[in-house]
Amino acid sequence: MARYVNAREAVDMRAKVEKQIAKKQKEEKEERLRELALHARTDRAGIRPADKSDDQSAERDQIRQERQKDRQRAAALQRAGGNKRNHPKEHDISEQIALGVQTACSTGVQHDQRLFNISLGDDEAYNIYDQPWNFSTTVASQIYKLTITTKDNFDDTEALINASKRFEQEHGFKGADRAAPREGPVQFQLDEDPFGLSDFLKDVQHGSAGSSAPSANGSSGSSSKRSHADDGEERISETRRKK
């Protein structure tokens, strides 16, 4: 039991020591921050006592400022074009002759010589295909002309197909005789009057001629007209049923 008590006291003592160490570190950090803040305030106010390091830093700052001013002045002169050291001084003509400087001679209007070999860029002149394709070669004749060997091969194939019975019908239809091979296209016979209209018109014409007879035969004429009309209608209905 005493061992457990001693162990617990040792743990508590260790915890207290760790708390004290952490507290001391925190106080030291706060003290260092306060000193830094104090130095910053004194530097800003200018009441900090000067020493050798401060004199050297001030001298370096002064040199840095002077160099910055020189760079700004050079940049301003370069932007304004006043930097005459990079531009040669213009001399008089007599001085140029004495120095042997070549004078630039102008011969009037200068033209680009490369444009003289180019035709007019007119959009209306559509001459893209002005020359035939492969004019000096035999490619066209080889492509579009059938050779003799190819023709012979096709002839042999066609003769083989005609000689074989592969594409003929083996069994015919029941009740139908084997038809002879045709020598030409199928020909159809045109029926001149499929509905019998010509006969109907003839009957009507005969009926109208019979109506011009005397009135004594009027009843017989009218009955013949009706019979002819009925016959014509029957013919038309029969032809329609056949179709």
Protein backbone atom coordinates (compact mmCIF):
# COMPACT_ATOMS: atom_id res chain seq x y z
CA MET A 1 0.00 0.00 0.00
CA ALA A 2 2.87 2.31 0.79
CA ARG A 3 4.27 1.68 -2.67
CA TYR A 4 1.05 2.87 -4.32
CA VAL A 5 1.04 6.02 -2.14
CA ASN A 6 4.63 6.82 -3.01
CA ALA A 7 3.96 6.27 -6.72
CA ARG A 8 0.93 8.58 -6.58
CA GLU A 9 2.92 11.27 -4.81
CA ALA A 10 5.67 10.93 -7.41
CA VAL A 11 3.14 11.37 -10.22
CA ASP A 12 1.66 14.44 -8.55
CA MET A 13 5.11 15.91 -7.98
CA ARG A 14 6.04 15.33 -11.62
CA ALA A 15 2.85 17.03 -12.77
CA LYS A 16 3.54 20.06 -10.56
CA VAL A 17 7.10 20.33 -11.88
CA GLU A 18 5.86 20.18 -15.49
CA LYS A 19 3.30 22.90 -14.77
CA GLN A 20 5.98 25.12 -13.23
CA ILE A 21 8.29 24.59 -16.21
CA ALA A 22 5.50 25.43 -18.67
CA LYS A 23 4.59 28.52 -16.66
CA LYS A 24 8.20 29.67 -16.61
CA GLN A 25 8.55 29.17 -20.38
CA LYS A 26 5.38 31.15 -20.94
CA GLU A 27 6.63 34.01 -18.77
CA GLU A 28 9.97 34.06 -20.59
CA LYS A 29 8.21 34.18 -23.96
CA GLU A 30 5.99 37.04 -22.84
CA GLU A 31 9.02 38.92 -21.51
CA ARG A 32 10.81 38.52 -24.84
CA LEU A 33 7.76 39.76 -26.72
CA ARG A 34 7.52 42.78 -24.43
CA GLU A 35 11.17 43.61 -25.06
CA LEU A 36 10.66 43.36 -28.83
CA ALA A 37 7.66 45.64 -28.64
CA LEU A 38 9.61 48.14 -26.55
CA HIS A 39 12.50 48.17 -29.04
CA ALA A 40 10.05 48.70 -31.90
CA ARG A 41 8.42 51.65 -30.15
CA THR A 42 11.77 53.26 -29.30
CA ASP A 43 13.01 52.83 -32.89
CA ARG A 44 9.85 54.39 -34.23
CA ALA A 45 10.10 57.33 -31.83
CA GLY A 46 13.85 57.79 -32.45
CA ILE A 47 14.85 57.85 -28.78
CA ARG A 48 16.94 54.70 -28.94
CA PRO A 49 20.64 55.32 -28.14
CA ALA A 50 22.87 55.03 -31.17
CA ASP A 51 25.67 52.49 -31.32
CA LYS A 52 28.13 51.24 -33.96
CA SER A 53 25.73 48.73 -35.52
CA ASP A 54 23.10 51.42 -35.97
CA ASP A 55 25.60 53.72 -37.69
CA GLN A 56 26.55 50.99 -40.16
CA SER A 57 22.93 50.17 -40.94
CA ALA A 58 22.17 53.86 -41.50
CA GLU A 59 25.11 54.16 -43.89
CA ARG A 60 23.96 51.11 -45.82
CA ASP A 61 20.44 52.54 -46.05
CA GLN A 62 21.82 55.82 -47.41
CA ILE A 63 23.87 54.04 -50.07
CA ARG A 64 20.83 51.95 -51.01
CA GLN A 65 18.67 55.06 -51.39
CA GLU A 66 21.27 56.79 -53.58
CA ARG A 67 21.52 53.79 -55.89
CA GLN A 68 17.75 53.62 -56.12
CA LYS A 69 17.63 57.29 -57.10
CA ASP A 70 20.25 56.68 -59.79
CA ARG A 71 18.25 53.80 -61.23
CA GLN A 72 15.07 55.88 -61.25
CA ARG A 73 16.88 58.76 -63.01
CA ALA A 74 18.30 56.42 -65.68
CA ALA A 75 14.89 54.85 -66.28
CA ALA A 76 13.30 58.29 -66.65
CA LEU A 77 15.93 59.39 -69.16
CA GLN A 78 15.48 56.21 -71.16
CA ARG A 79 11.70 56.66 -71.29
CA ALA A 80 12.02 60.30 -72.33
CA GLY A 81 14.66 59.54 -74.97
CA GLY A 82 17.18 61.88 -73.38
CA ASN A 83 19.89 59.29 -72.97
CA LYS A 84 22.25 60.63 -75.63
CA ARG A 85 25.10 58.35 -74.73
CA ASN A 86 23.51 55.48 -76.64
CA HIS A 87 22.76 57.59 -79.75
CA PRO A 88 25.52 58.79 -82.09
CA LYS A 89 25.81 62.52 -82.53
CA GLU A 90 24.62 63.82 -85.88
CA HIS A 91 27.45 65.43 -87.83
CA ASP A 92 27.39 67.96 -90.61
CA ILE A 93 27.63 66.73 -94.21
CA SER A 94 31.18 68.04 -94.50
CA GLU A 95 32.12 66.18 -91.34
CA GLN A 96 30.49 63.01 -92.66
CA ILE A 97 32.50 63.32 -95.89
CA ALA A 98 35.70 63.90 -93.93
CA LEU A 99 35.01 60.93 -91.69
CA GLY A 100 34.06 58.73 -94.64
CA VAL A 101 30.57 58.05 -93.40
CA GLN A 102 28.30 56.60 -96.09
CA THR A 103 25.30 58.79 -96.74
CA ALA A 104 21.95 57.16 -97.33
CA CYS A 105 20.73 57.95 -100.83
CA SER A 106 17.04 57.76 -101.60
CA THR A 107 16.04 56.89 -105.16
CA GLY A 108 12.40 57.80 -104.88
CA VAL A 109 9.63 55.30 -104.23
CA GLN A 110 10.88 51.92 -103.06
CA HIS A 111 9.01 48.77 -104.17
CA ASP A 112 9.17 45.24 -102.91
CA GLN A 113 10.73 43.23 -105.74
CA ARG A 114 9.10 40.02 -104.51
CA LEU A 115 5.67 41.28 -105.54
CA PHE A 116 6.61 41.59 -109.23
CA ASN A 117 6.58 37.81 -109.80
CA ILE A 118 3.07 37.36 -108.37
CA SER A 119 -0.04 37.65 -110.50
CA LEU A 120 -3.03 39.79 -109.62
CA GLY A 121 -5.05 38.37 -106.74
CA ASP A 122 -8.39 38.59 -108.52
CA ASP A 123 -11.12 36.47 -106.93
CA GLU A 124 -13.16 36.29 -110.14
CA ALA A 125 -10.43 34.42 -112.03
CA TYR A 126 -11.17 30.78 -111.14
CA ASN A 127 -8.22 28.99 -112.72
CA ILE A 128 -7.29 26.50 -110.03
CA TYR A 129 -7.52 23.50 -112.36
CA ASP A 130 -5.66 25.10 -115.26
CA GLN A 131 -3.58 21.99 -116.00
CA PRO A 132 -4.61 18.33 -116.27
CA TRP A 133 -3.68 15.94 -113.53
CA ASN A 134 -0.54 13.90 -114.32
CA PHE A 135 -0.29 15.29 -117.82
CA SER A 136 3.19 13.92 -118.52
CA THR A 137 2.70 10.47 -117.00
CA THR A 138 0.81 7.31 -117.94
CA VAL A 139 -1.11 7.03 -114.68
CA ALA A 140 -4.42 8.02 -116.26
CA SER A 141 -4.13 5.38 -118.98
CA GLN A 142 -3.33 2.72 -116.41
CA ILE A 143 -6.29 3.65 -114.22
CA TYR A 144 -9.10 4.16 -116.72
CA LYS A 145 -8.13 1.72 -119.48
CA LEU A 146 -9.00 -1.96 -119.17
CA THR A 147 -6.01 -4.14 -119.86
CA ILE A 148 -6.10 -7.21 -122.14
CA THR A 149 -5.25 -9.66 -119.40
CA THR A 150 -8.12 -8.45 -117.22
CA LYS A 151 -10.55 -8.71 -120.11
CA ASP A 152 -9.47 -12.28 -120.83
CA ASN A 153 -9.99 -13.22 -117.21
CA PHE A 154 -13.51 -11.80 -117.26
CA ASP A 155 -14.32 -13.63 -120.48
CA ASP A 156 -13.23 -16.94 -118.98
CA THR A 157 -15.37 -16.33 -115.91
CA GLU A 158 -18.42 -15.44 -117.99
CA ALA A 159 -18.00 -18.55 -120.15
CA LEU A 160 -17.71 -20.72 -117.05
CA ILE A 161 -20.93 -19.29 -115.63
CA ASN A 162 -22.84 -19.85 -118.88
CA ALA A 163 -21.56 -23.43 -119.24
CA SER A 164 -22.51 -24.51 -115.72
CA LYS A 165 -26.02 -25.42 -114.56
CA ARG A 166 -25.56 -23.98 -111.13
CA PHE A 167 -28.10 -21.20 -111.55
CA GLU A 168 -30.81 -23.29 -113.27
CA GLN A 169 -33.99 -24.49 -111.59
CA GLU A 170 -33.97 -28.19 -110.66
CA HIS A 171 -37.71 -28.78 -110.02
CA GLY A 172 -40.51 -26.91 -111.76
CA PHE A 173 -43.94 -26.04 -110.45
CA LYS A 174 -46.75 -28.56 -110.56
CA GLY A 175 -49.08 -28.12 -113.55
CA ALA A 176 -46.66 -25.85 -115.36
CA ASP A 177 -44.55 -26.90 -118.31
CA ARG A 178 -40.91 -25.93 -118.51
CA ALA A 179 -40.87 -22.72 -120.53
CA ALA A 180 -38.42 -22.17 -123.33
CA PRO A 181 -35.67 -19.61 -122.69
CA ARG A 182 -36.53 -16.11 -123.79
CA GLU A 183 -34.53 -14.38 -126.46
CA GLY A 184 -35.64 -10.90 -125.48
CA PRO A 185 -37.61 -8.92 -122.93
CA VAL A 186 -41.13 -9.86 -121.90
CA GLN A 187 -43.80 -8.39 -124.20
CA PHE A 188 -47.33 -7.60 -123.03
CA GLN A 189 -50.48 -7.19 -125.15
CA LEU A 190 -52.47 -4.06 -124.54
CA ASP A 191 -56.25 -4.44 -124.28
CA GLU A 192 -57.77 -1.66 -126.33
CA ASP A 193 -61.12 -1.48 -124.48
CA PRO A 194 -60.96 -3.29 -121.11
CA PHE A 195 -64.27 -1.83 -119.85
CA GLY A 196 -66.31 -2.18 -123.10
CA LEU A 197 -66.94 1.53 -123.46
CA SER A 198 -66.83 1.49 -127.25
CA ASP A 199 -69.70 -1.03 -127.43
CA PHE A 200 -71.63 0.99 -124.89
CA LEU A 201 -71.25 4.16 -126.96
CA LYS A 202 -72.33 2.33 -130.10
CA ASP A 203 -75.47 1.09 -128.36
CA VAL A 204 -76.24 4.59 -127.14
CA GLN A 205 -75.80 5.98 -130.62
CA HIS A 206 -78.13 3.33 -132.06
CA GLY A 207 -80.69 4.13 -129.39
CA SER A 208 -80.59 7.85 -130.17
CA ALA A 209 -81.05 7.06 -133.88
CA GLY A 210 -84.09 4.90 -133.12
CA SER A 211 -85.70 7.71 -131.09
CA SER A 212 -86.04 9.80 -134.28
CA ALA A 213 -88.58 7.23 -135.69
CA PRO A 214 -92.39 7.96 -135.80
CA SER A 215 -94.29 8.29 -132.55
CA ALA A 216 -96.04 4.97 -133.19
CA ASN A 217 -92.83 3.22 -132.42
CA GLY A 218 -92.08 5.46 -129.44
CA SER A 219 -92.77 2.84 -126.82
CA SER A 220 -90.64 0.25 -128.59
CA GLY A 221 -87.77 2.79 -128.97
CA SER A 222 -87.79 3.72 -125.29
CA SER A 223 -87.84 0.08 -124.26
CA SER A 224 -84.88 -0.65 -126.58
CA LYS A 225 -82.94 2.27 -125.01
CA ARG A 226 -83.51 0.92 -121.54
CA SER A 227 -82.46 -2.56 -122.62
CA HIS A 228 -79.29 -1.23 -124.24
CA ALA A 229 -78.43 0.81 -121.14
CA ASP A 230 -78.96 -2.21 -118.91
CA ASP A 231 -76.75 -4.31 -121.18
CA GLY A 232 -73.99 -1.68 -121.02
CA GLU A 233 -74.10 -1.54 -117.22
CA GLU A 234 -73.94 -5.34 -117.01
CA ARG A 235 -70.89 -5.40 -119.26
CA ILE A 236 -69.09 -2.78 -117.16
CA SER A 237 -69.82 -4.68 -113.93
CA GLU A 238 -68.58 -7.96 -115.45
CA THR A 239 -65.32 -6.42 -116.61
CA ARG A 240 -64.75 -4.90 -113.17
CA ARG A 241 -65.31 -8.28 -111.52
CA LYS A 242 -62.80 -9.90 -113.86
CA LYS A 243 -60.21 -7.32 -113.00
